[in-house]
């Protein structure tokens, strides 16, 4: 289920989306298997948006689209989100573009 959605988002990323990052936090001792996916791309009515998807790997997931006015604003928000997750123990699995501060 989650793999299908991430694969669909990855295929969109290759076509239209500029940047994306997939992060995991897996801790067998705590029975913890979480993922966090962040991407920058177009929304229905906005040219730029930050798309987030998170939840348990193989389980229930949530999705949130945050519209932005400019690409720089979207990149700053996405970078902030990725850095926050990295500070909370997530590991970057795919997409290193959003780990650096935007120019």
Protein backbone atom coordinates (compact mmCIF):
# COMPACT_ATOMS: atom_id res chain seq x y z
CA UNK A 1 0.00 0.00 0.00
CA UNK A 2 2.55 2.61 1.08
CA UNK A 3 5.10 1.30 -1.38
CA UNK A 4 2.62 1.82 -4.23
CA UNK A 5 2.02 5.44 -3.23
CA UNK A 6 5.72 6.20 -2.88
CA UNK A 7 6.45 4.58 -6.23
CA UNK A 8 3.68 6.68 -7.79
CA UNK A 9 5.12 9.83 -6.22
CA UNK A 10 8.62 8.87 -7.38
CA UNK A 11 7.39 8.45 -10.94
CA UNK A 12 5.76 11.88 -10.73
CA UNK A 13 8.98 13.28 -9.33
CA UNK A 14 10.93 12.04 -12.33
CA UNK A 15 8.51 13.77 -14.69
CA UNK A 16 7.35 17.06 -13.13
CA UNK A 17 8.62 17.36 -9.58
CA UNK A 18 11.82 19.12 -8.74
CA UNK A 19 12.96 17.57 -5.46
CA UNK A 20 11.98 14.84 -3.01
CA UNK A 21 13.35 13.06 0.06
CA UNK A 22 12.41 9.75 1.69
CA UNK A 23 13.40 9.15 5.31
CA UNK A 24 13.02 6.10 7.57
CA UNK A 25 13.24 5.58 11.32
CA UNK A 26 13.41 1.90 12.23
CA UNK A 27 13.93 0.73 15.80
CA UNK A 28 13.07 -2.98 16.34
CA UNK A 29 13.43 -2.64 20.14
CA UNK A 30 10.53 -0.16 20.22
CA UNK A 31 8.60 -1.85 17.37
CA UNK A 32 9.03 1.37 15.43
CA UNK A 33 9.01 1.43 11.60
CA UNK A 34 8.24 4.94 10.38
CA UNK A 35 8.71 6.80 7.13
CA UNK A 36 8.52 10.45 6.10
CA UNK A 37 8.33 11.59 2.46
CA UNK A 38 8.73 15.26 1.44
CA UNK A 39 8.52 16.62 -2.08
CA UNK A 40 8.26 19.96 -3.84
CA UNK A 41 5.96 20.19 -6.82
CA UNK A 42 2.81 21.70 -8.25
CA UNK A 43 -0.54 21.59 -6.46
CA UNK A 44 -3.98 21.80 -7.98
CA UNK A 45 -4.28 25.59 -7.80
CA UNK A 46 -0.73 26.61 -6.88
CA UNK A 47 2.48 26.41 -8.92
CA UNK A 48 4.50 25.37 -5.84
CA UNK A 49 3.62 23.17 -2.90
CA UNK A 50 5.32 21.00 -0.29
CA UNK A 51 3.81 17.52 -0.24
CA UNK A 52 4.38 15.46 2.92
CA UNK A 53 3.44 11.87 3.58
CA UNK A 54 4.23 10.04 6.81
CA UNK A 55 3.24 7.04 8.87
CA UNK A 56 4.14 3.47 9.72
CA UNK A 57 5.88 1.47 7.00
CA UNK A 58 3.31 -0.98 5.66
CA UNK A 59 0.51 0.62 7.66
CA UNK A 60 -1.64 3.71 7.90
CA UNK A 61 -0.23 6.89 6.40
CA UNK A 62 -1.21 10.54 6.30
CA UNK A 63 -0.67 13.17 3.62
CA UNK A 64 -0.56 16.97 3.75
CA UNK A 65 -0.14 19.48 0.91
CA UNK A 66 1.10 22.95 1.87
CA UNK A 67 0.82 25.56 -0.92
CA UNK A 68 3.65 28.09 -1.26
CA UNK A 69 3.94 31.37 -3.15
CA UNK A 70 7.46 30.85 -4.53
CA UNK A 71 9.83 27.99 -5.21
CA UNK A 72 12.27 29.41 -2.64
CA UNK A 73 9.58 29.40 0.06
CA UNK A 74 8.70 25.79 -0.79
CA UNK A 75 12.34 24.72 -0.72
CA UNK A 76 12.94 26.43 2.64
CA UNK A 77 9.93 24.69 4.18
CA UNK A 78 10.88 21.29 2.74
CA UNK A 79 14.49 21.65 3.92
CA UNK A 80 13.31 22.65 7.40
CA UNK A 81 11.03 19.59 7.56
CA UNK A 82 13.78 17.20 6.42
CA UNK A 83 16.31 18.66 8.86
CA UNK A 84 13.80 18.36 11.71
CA UNK A 85 13.25 14.67 10.91
CA UNK A 86 17.00 14.03 10.67
CA UNK A 87 17.46 15.58 14.12
CA UNK A 88 14.78 13.20 15.45
CA UNK A 89 16.58 10.06 14.34
CA UNK A 90 15.33 9.52 10.79
CA UNK A 91 17.83 8.33 8.17
CA UNK A 92 17.83 9.64 4.61
CA UNK A 93 17.00 6.77 2.24
CA UNK A 94 16.62 8.63 -1.05
CA UNK A 95 17.01 12.21 -2.29
CA UNK A 96 19.81 14.28 -0.78
CA UNK A 97 18.72 17.55 -2.45
CA UNK A 98 16.59 18.76 0.46
CA UNK A 99 19.16 18.28 3.20
CA UNK A 100 21.07 21.52 2.45
CA UNK A 101 19.86 25.04 3.10
CA UNK A 102 18.59 26.82 -0.02
CA UNK A 103 20.73 29.62 -1.48
